Amino acid sequence: MGNYFQTVVDLDATPADARTLADSGLDWLVREGIVRAELTDCVLGAPSGHPPGPSWAKAVDQEDWEPSGGLAIETGRTVFHCGQGDPRFAVCPHCAGRADFCTDRLEEIEGAWEPFGEAINAWSDTGSAAVICPHCRRTGDLTAWTWSDDYFALGYLGFEFWDWPDFSPGFLEGLSRALGGHRTVLMAGKL
């Protein structure tokens, strides 16, 4: 069984503007009727969140099932992830080379993950980290690397929806506009 989540991460939010952007995003979601303004016990791992609103279906591709959870908004330095499993590779922001963490048979490649794990821990602690590409040997800011299946996103603002149907592209574009046109990434996972 388990619980599913979808997190929309604002890749451009800074520590200084994350709270203001969170308020702007929430205001838009409430105005659209996608979530309610009040807080209830409707999200996993947080004391409270915003339950689905009367127009929740405007946000999803298919209305085949109603959301059973709500929205938690995360502000502050966060390593957002997809929950179960692990990323298979990361892509260098300079040469687009893949740093593989496992073989095609999903066997771990010894030592491949360590520089990335250390960088993620450093970014979580300090907000800054870089990794040397195993292909081009250039150093790349960890936040510029991309991950298989969008497994990680490092940022300061995330909208985490629990147990909702898949979101529509139009909803994601609307939320991005509400965030000042910031770049966003959708992450989906299960716990």
Protein backbone atom coordinates (compact mmCIF):
# COMPACT_ATOMS: atom_id res chain seq x y z
CA MET A 1 0.00 0.00 0.00
CA GLY A 2 1.68 3.26 1.07
CA ASN A 3 1.17 6.95 0.56
CA TYR A 4 1.88 8.79 -2.67
CA PHE A 5 3.07 12.35 -2.95
CA GLN A 6 3.78 14.89 -5.64
CA THR A 7 6.06 17.80 -4.83
CA VAL A 8 6.35 20.92 -6.95
CA VAL A 9 9.76 22.41 -6.14
CA ASP A 10 10.56 26.04 -6.96
CA LEU A 11 14.12 25.86 -8.29
CA ASP A 12 14.60 29.65 -8.24
CA ALA A 13 13.39 30.45 -4.71
CA THR A 14 16.05 31.85 -2.41
CA PRO A 15 16.18 31.61 1.38
CA ALA A 16 15.15 35.26 1.55
CA ASP A 17 12.05 35.01 -0.67
CA ALA A 18 10.84 31.44 -0.01
CA ARG A 19 8.22 32.42 2.61
CA THR A 20 6.79 35.24 0.45
CA LEU A 21 6.66 32.91 -2.57
CA ALA A 22 4.99 30.21 -0.46
CA ASP A 23 2.29 32.71 0.50
CA SER A 24 1.82 33.74 -3.16
CA GLY A 25 1.52 30.12 -4.26
CA LEU A 26 -0.93 29.29 -1.47
CA ASP A 27 -3.03 32.40 -2.23
CA TRP A 28 -3.35 31.28 -5.86
CA LEU A 29 -4.23 27.70 -4.87
CA VAL A 30 -6.94 28.95 -2.49
CA ARG A 31 -8.35 31.48 -5.01
CA GLU A 32 -8.57 28.70 -7.61
CA GLY A 33 -10.34 26.47 -5.08
CA ILE A 34 -7.68 23.77 -5.41
CA VAL A 35 -6.95 23.74 -1.66
CA ARG A 36 -8.65 25.28 1.36
CA ALA A 37 -7.04 28.01 3.44
CA GLU A 38 -7.68 26.29 6.78
CA LEU A 39 -5.22 23.83 8.26
CA THR A 40 -6.22 20.30 9.20
CA ASP A 41 -4.56 16.96 9.95
CA CYS A 42 -4.40 15.91 6.28
CA VAL A 43 -0.73 15.35 5.44
CA LEU A 44 1.77 12.67 6.33
CA GLY A 45 4.75 13.74 8.43
CA ALA A 46 3.54 17.24 9.27
CA PRO A 47 1.26 18.49 12.02
CA SER A 48 -1.15 20.07 9.56
CA GLY A 49 -1.78 20.95 5.94
CA HIS A 50 -4.32 22.40 3.56
CA PRO A 51 -7.10 19.98 2.55
CA PRO A 52 -8.37 19.71 -1.03
CA GLY A 53 -10.69 22.54 -2.07
CA PRO A 54 -14.00 22.37 -3.91
CA SER A 55 -12.27 22.76 -7.29
CA TRP A 56 -9.44 20.28 -6.74
CA ALA A 57 -10.24 18.63 -10.08
CA LYS A 58 -8.94 21.73 -11.94
CA ALA A 59 -5.43 20.62 -10.96
CA VAL A 60 -5.45 17.04 -12.18
CA ASP A 61 -5.36 15.13 -15.47
CA GLN A 62 -8.09 12.66 -14.57
CA GLU A 63 -10.81 12.94 -11.97
CA ASP A 64 -10.99 9.18 -11.45
CA TRP A 65 -10.34 9.45 -7.73
CA GLU A 66 -10.59 12.25 -5.20
CA PRO A 67 -7.51 13.29 -3.22
CA SER A 68 -7.40 11.73 0.24
CA GLY A 69 -4.61 13.95 1.57
CA GLY A 70 -3.71 17.61 1.54
CA LEU A 71 -0.92 20.09 0.87
CA ALA A 72 2.13 20.70 3.05
CA ILE A 73 4.34 23.65 2.13
CA GLU A 74 8.02 23.28 2.90
CA THR A 75 10.18 26.40 3.20
CA GLY A 76 13.83 26.33 4.12
CA ARG A 77 16.81 24.46 2.73
CA THR A 78 15.51 21.03 1.75
CA VAL A 79 16.78 18.04 -0.18
CA PHE A 80 13.51 17.01 -1.84
CA HIS A 81 13.44 13.38 -2.98
CA CYS A 82 11.11 10.76 -4.43
CA GLY A 83 10.96 8.51 -1.39
CA GLN A 84 11.47 4.85 -2.19
CA GLY A 85 14.37 3.63 -4.27
CA ASP A 86 17.49 5.45 -5.36
CA PRO A 87 18.53 7.50 -8.38
CA ARG A 88 20.23 5.48 -11.11
CA PHE A 89 22.35 8.37 -12.42
CA ALA A 90 23.00 12.11 -12.38
CA VAL A 91 23.68 14.27 -15.46
CA CYS A 92 26.52 16.80 -15.58
CA PRO A 93 25.45 20.40 -16.18
CA HIS A 94 28.53 20.98 -18.38
CA CYS A 95 28.94 18.00 -20.70
CA ALA A 96 25.60 16.17 -20.18
CA GLY A 97 27.59 13.04 -19.31
CA ARG A 98 25.91 10.54 -17.04
CA ALA A 99 27.41 9.64 -13.71
CA ASP A 100 25.93 6.16 -13.31
CA PHE A 101 25.41 4.79 -9.79
CA CYS A 102 24.42 1.30 -10.91
CA THR A 103 24.77 -1.01 -13.87
CA ASP A 104 22.00 -1.93 -16.32
CA ARG A 105 21.35 -4.90 -14.01
CA LEU A 106 20.85 -2.43 -11.13
CA GLU A 107 24.04 -3.53 -9.40
CA GLU A 108 25.75 -0.77 -7.44
CA ILE A 109 28.89 0.71 -9.01
CA GLU A 110 31.36 0.86 -6.16
CA GLY A 111 32.40 4.39 -5.22
CA ALA A 112 30.17 6.14 -7.79
CA TRP A 113 27.64 7.47 -5.27
CA GLU A 114 30.06 8.72 -2.58
CA PRO A 115 30.93 12.14 -4.10
CA PHE A 116 27.23 12.86 -4.63
CA GLY A 117 26.19 11.67 -1.18
CA GLU A 118 28.87 13.85 0.39
CA ALA A 119 27.80 16.83 -1.73
CA ILE A 120 24.14 16.37 -0.79
CA ASN A 121 25.08 16.32 2.90
CA ALA A 122 27.24 19.43 2.44
CA TRP A 123 24.45 21.28 0.60
CA SER A 124 21.97 20.28 3.31
CA ASP A 125 24.30 21.70 5.96
CA THR A 126 25.57 24.81 4.18
CA GLY A 127 23.50 25.53 1.05
CA SER A 128 26.56 25.09 -1.16
CA ALA A 129 28.18 22.05 -2.77
CA ALA A 130 29.80 20.95 -6.01
CA VAL A 131 30.69 17.65 -7.67
CA ILE A 132 33.44 16.85 -10.19
CA CYS A 133 32.08 15.19 -13.32
CA PRO A 134 33.65 11.78 -13.90
CA HIS A 135 33.62 12.46 -17.68
CA CYS A 136 34.69 16.07 -18.32
CA ARG A 137 36.37 16.55 -14.90
CA ARG A 138 34.73 19.98 -14.51
CA THR A 139 33.22 20.97 -11.20
CA GLY A 140 29.47 21.51 -11.31
CA ASP A 141 27.28 23.18 -8.70
CA LEU A 142 25.21 20.36 -7.18
CA THR A 143 21.95 22.27 -7.78
CA ALA A 144 22.67 22.29 -11.54
CA TRP A 145 22.97 18.50 -11.86
CA THR A 146 19.83 16.66 -12.98
CA TRP A 147 18.77 13.28 -11.68
CA SER A 148 17.22 10.17 -13.19
CA ASP A 149 13.45 10.34 -12.80
CA ASP A 150 13.88 13.79 -11.18
CA TYR A 151 14.80 11.89 -8.02
CA PHE A 152 16.32 14.89 -6.19
CA ALA A 153 15.70 18.62 -6.22
CA LEU A 154 17.56 20.93 -3.89
CA GLY A 155 15.71 24.07 -2.97
CA TYR A 156 14.05 26.34 -0.47
CA LEU A 157 10.38 25.93 -1.39
CA GLY A 158 8.24 22.90 -2.12
CA PHE A 159 4.50 22.28 -2.39
CA GLU A 160 3.95 18.68 -1.30
CA PHE A 161 0.56 17.16 -2.17
CA TRP A 162 -0.32 13.85 -0.51
CA ASP A 163 -2.41 11.20 -2.28
CA TRP A 164 -3.64 13.28 -5.23
CA PRO A 165 -4.21 12.15 -8.83
CA ASP A 166 -1.50 13.16 -11.35
CA PHE A 167 -1.35 16.90 -12.00
CA SER A 168 -2.14 18.44 -15.38
CA PRO A 169 0.45 20.51 -17.29
CA GLY A 170 -1.92 23.50 -17.12
CA PHE A 171 -1.99 23.36 -13.32
CA LEU A 172 1.80 23.18 -13.13
CA GLU A 173 2.12 26.17 -15.47
CA GLY A 174 -0.39 28.13 -13.38
CA LEU A 175 1.48 27.44 -10.15
CA SER A 176 4.75 28.47 -11.80
CA ARG A 177 3.13 31.77 -12.88
CA ALA A 178 1.89 32.30 -9.31
CA LEU A 179 5.52 31.91 -8.23
CA GLY A 180 6.63 34.75 -10.50
CA GLY A 181 7.41 32.52 -13.48
CA HIS A 182 10.02 30.56 -11.57
CA ARG A 183 11.37 27.28 -12.88
CA THR A 184 9.71 24.36 -11.14
CA VAL A 185 10.13 20.60 -11.18
CA LEU A 186 7.49 18.00 -10.33
CA MET A 187 8.66 15.09 -8.24
CA ALA A 188 6.47 12.07 -7.55
CA GLY A 189 7.09 9.38 -5.00
CA LYS A 190 5.79 6.93 -2.49
CA LEU A 191 6.47 6.22 1.16
